């Protein structure tokens, strides 16, 4: 029997595929031929609120990303070390180890040093953004999360040749 990590989730199936007509089949085929399928990307969602984890995870899975989760900064480091995510969505205000502390520690781990981290926070001040940038945050999302902006940031950070740093695009 194959081992399945209980923290891992997979992308949701395309529920609309059963109702499409023959005219939409060529469009679907061209989407499958993308050079960088999103389902090859693994995203770690870190938040101490189960509701936020569920909403962010579902939004990412609906776009075809694979998702793993953590509920605090210490767990985020452990999960990241085990799974090597392509990107991390990091809540900032969490118990045990906050998001800035966790990001600082992730940047000390060679294998995770260049993984983009998006801060997901209610703190949108310029001072906070400067502090977050100092520890290596790649981008910012303020709560409540704008899901169009979430998808834009994720796509830009994971794009081939992307800089992995969008701190100027808060």
Protein backbone atom coordinates (compact mmCIF):
# COMPACT_ATOMS: atom_id res chain seq x y z
CA UNK A 1 0.00 0.00 0.00
CA UNK A 2 1.35 3.43 -0.97
CA UNK A 3 2.03 5.89 1.87
CA UNK A 4 -0.03 9.11 1.67
CA UNK A 5 0.97 12.07 3.79
CA UNK A 6 -2.16 13.00 5.80
CA UNK A 7 -1.30 16.71 5.48
CA UNK A 8 -1.24 16.58 1.69
CA UNK A 9 -4.22 17.44 -0.47
CA UNK A 10 -4.67 17.26 -4.19
CA UNK A 11 -6.32 19.41 -6.80
CA UNK A 12 -10.04 19.09 -7.22
CA UNK A 13 -11.27 17.31 -10.34
CA UNK A 14 -12.74 19.42 -13.12
CA UNK A 15 -16.43 19.12 -12.28
CA UNK A 16 -17.50 20.96 -15.43
CA UNK A 17 -15.93 18.44 -17.80
CA UNK A 18 -18.98 16.18 -17.72
CA UNK A 19 -21.31 18.93 -18.96
CA UNK A 20 -19.21 20.42 -21.77
CA UNK A 21 -20.19 20.04 -25.39
CA UNK A 22 -18.01 19.00 -28.30
CA UNK A 23 -17.36 22.62 -29.30
CA UNK A 24 -15.40 23.28 -26.11
CA UNK A 25 -13.20 20.18 -26.46
CA UNK A 26 -10.46 21.92 -28.54
CA UNK A 27 -10.14 24.68 -25.92
CA UNK A 28 -9.80 22.09 -23.16
CA UNK A 29 -7.16 20.21 -25.15
CA UNK A 30 -5.08 23.37 -25.59
CA UNK A 31 -5.20 24.01 -21.84
CA UNK A 32 -3.80 20.55 -21.21
CA UNK A 33 -0.87 21.30 -23.51
CA UNK A 34 0.42 24.14 -21.30
CA UNK A 35 4.18 23.92 -20.81
CA UNK A 36 3.89 24.52 -17.04
CA UNK A 37 0.83 22.70 -15.66
CA UNK A 38 -0.12 24.20 -12.31
CA UNK A 39 -0.74 20.77 -10.78
CA UNK A 40 3.00 20.27 -10.64
CA UNK A 41 3.23 23.10 -8.08
CA UNK A 42 2.85 22.47 -4.36
CA UNK A 43 1.75 25.35 -2.14
CA UNK A 44 2.01 25.41 1.66
CA UNK A 45 -0.86 27.34 3.30
CA UNK A 46 -0.07 28.44 6.88
CA UNK A 47 -2.75 29.97 9.12
CA UNK A 48 -3.99 29.34 12.65
CA UNK A 49 -7.60 29.83 11.52
CA UNK A 50 -9.14 26.65 10.12
CA UNK A 51 -11.58 28.76 8.09
CA UNK A 52 -8.75 30.70 6.44
CA UNK A 53 -6.83 27.49 5.68
CA UNK A 54 -9.95 25.97 4.12
CA UNK A 55 -10.76 29.04 1.99
CA UNK A 56 -7.21 29.53 0.73
CA UNK A 57 -6.69 25.81 0.10
CA UNK A 58 -9.94 25.47 -1.81
CA UNK A 59 -9.22 28.57 -3.92
CA UNK A 60 -5.80 27.18 -4.86
CA UNK A 61 -7.08 23.65 -5.50
CA UNK A 62 -9.78 25.01 -7.79
CA UNK A 63 -6.94 26.49 -9.86
CA UNK A 64 -5.26 23.07 -9.99
CA UNK A 65 -2.51 23.56 -7.39
CA UNK A 66 -1.60 20.88 -4.86
CA UNK A 67 -1.80 22.11 -1.25
CA UNK A 68 -0.35 21.17 2.14
CA UNK A 69 -1.19 23.03 5.32
CA UNK A 70 0.17 24.08 8.70
CA UNK A 71 -1.40 25.90 11.65
CA UNK A 72 1.57 27.79 13.10
CA UNK A 73 5.11 28.84 12.23
CA UNK A 74 6.84 25.86 13.82
CA UNK A 75 4.60 23.42 11.99
CA UNK A 76 5.14 25.40 8.76
CA UNK A 77 8.90 24.86 8.99
CA UNK A 78 8.44 21.15 9.64
CA UNK A 79 5.96 20.68 6.78
CA UNK A 80 8.11 22.76 4.41
CA UNK A 81 11.18 20.65 5.21
CA UNK A 82 9.22 17.44 4.52
CA UNK A 83 7.41 18.56 1.36
CA UNK A 84 9.62 21.21 -0.35
CA UNK A 85 6.76 23.47 -1.50
CA UNK A 86 7.10 25.74 -4.51
CA UNK A 87 5.43 28.64 -2.67
CA UNK A 88 4.21 29.44 0.85
CA UNK A 89 1.21 31.53 1.91
CA UNK A 90 2.13 32.62 5.44
CA UNK A 91 -0.23 34.15 7.99
CA UNK A 92 1.69 36.60 10.14
CA UNK A 93 -0.16 36.61 13.47
CA UNK A 94 0.00 33.06 14.81
CA UNK A 95 0.74 31.38 18.15
CA UNK A 96 4.02 29.60 18.97
CA UNK A 97 6.00 31.19 16.11
CA UNK A 98 4.62 34.05 14.03
CA UNK A 99 4.89 34.28 10.26
CA UNK A 100 7.84 36.69 10.25
CA UNK A 101 9.83 34.45 12.60
CA UNK A 102 8.97 31.38 10.55
CA UNK A 103 10.00 33.12 7.32
CA UNK A 104 13.27 34.20 8.91
CA UNK A 105 13.98 30.58 9.91
CA UNK A 106 12.98 29.26 6.46
CA UNK A 107 15.54 31.60 4.89
CA UNK A 108 18.24 29.92 7.02
CA UNK A 109 17.49 26.49 5.48
CA UNK A 110 19.43 26.08 2.23
CA UNK A 111 16.78 23.97 0.46
CA UNK A 112 14.01 26.47 1.29
CA UNK A 113 15.92 29.74 1.05
CA UNK A 114 14.51 30.72 -2.34
CA UNK A 115 10.92 29.52 -1.91
CA UNK A 116 8.65 32.55 -2.37
CA UNK A 117 6.63 33.47 0.73
CA UNK A 118 3.48 35.57 0.46
CA UNK A 119 2.52 37.26 3.73
CA UNK A 120 -1.21 37.00 4.37
CA UNK A 121 -2.04 39.57 7.01
CA UNK A 122 -4.31 42.28 8.32
CA UNK A 123 -1.21 44.48 8.77
CA UNK A 124 -0.97 46.54 5.61
CA UNK A 125 1.17 49.41 6.88
CA UNK A 126 4.32 50.49 5.11
CA UNK A 127 6.36 49.79 8.26
CA UNK A 128 5.08 46.23 8.44
CA UNK A 129 5.76 45.67 4.76
CA UNK A 130 9.31 46.91 5.23
CA UNK A 131 9.82 44.54 8.20
CA UNK A 132 8.36 41.64 6.21
CA UNK A 133 10.57 42.45 3.25
CA UNK A 134 13.60 42.45 5.56
CA UNK A 135 12.97 38.82 6.54
CA UNK A 136 12.46 37.69 2.95
CA UNK A 137 8.74 37.94 2.20
CA UNK A 138 8.15 37.97 -1.57
CA UNK A 139 4.67 39.55 -1.66
CA UNK A 140 1.73 40.66 0.44
CA UNK A 141 -1.97 39.91 0.64
CA UNK A 142 -4.15 41.75 3.12
CA UNK A 143 -7.15 40.20 4.82
CA UNK A 144 -9.85 39.83 3.78
CA UNK A 145 -8.08 38.15 0.88
CA UNK A 146 -8.82 39.35 -2.65
CA UNK A 147 -8.80 35.99 -4.48
CA UNK A 148 -8.15 37.56 -7.89
CA UNK A 149 -5.04 39.17 -6.42
CA UNK A 150 -4.09 35.87 -4.75
CA UNK A 151 -4.19 34.05 -8.09
CA UNK A 152 -2.24 36.84 -9.79
CA UNK A 153 0.53 36.82 -7.17
CA UNK A 154 0.80 33.04 -7.13
CA UNK A 155 0.93 32.82 -10.93
CA UNK A 156 3.58 35.56 -11.16
CA UNK A 157 5.77 34.05 -8.47
CA UNK A 158 5.58 30.57 -9.99
CA UNK A 159 6.00 31.70 -13.61
CA UNK A 160 9.07 30.40 -15.43
CA UNK A 161 11.79 33.01 -15.11
CA UNK A 162 9.79 34.83 -12.44
CA UNK A 163 11.81 36.82 -9.96
CA UNK A 164 10.26 35.15 -6.92
CA UNK A 165 9.95 38.59 -5.35
CA UNK A 166 7.06 40.96 -5.78
CA UNK A 167 7.39 43.06 -2.63
CA UNK A 168 6.81 46.19 -4.66
CA UNK A 169 3.41 44.82 -5.71
CA UNK A 170 1.62 44.76 -2.40
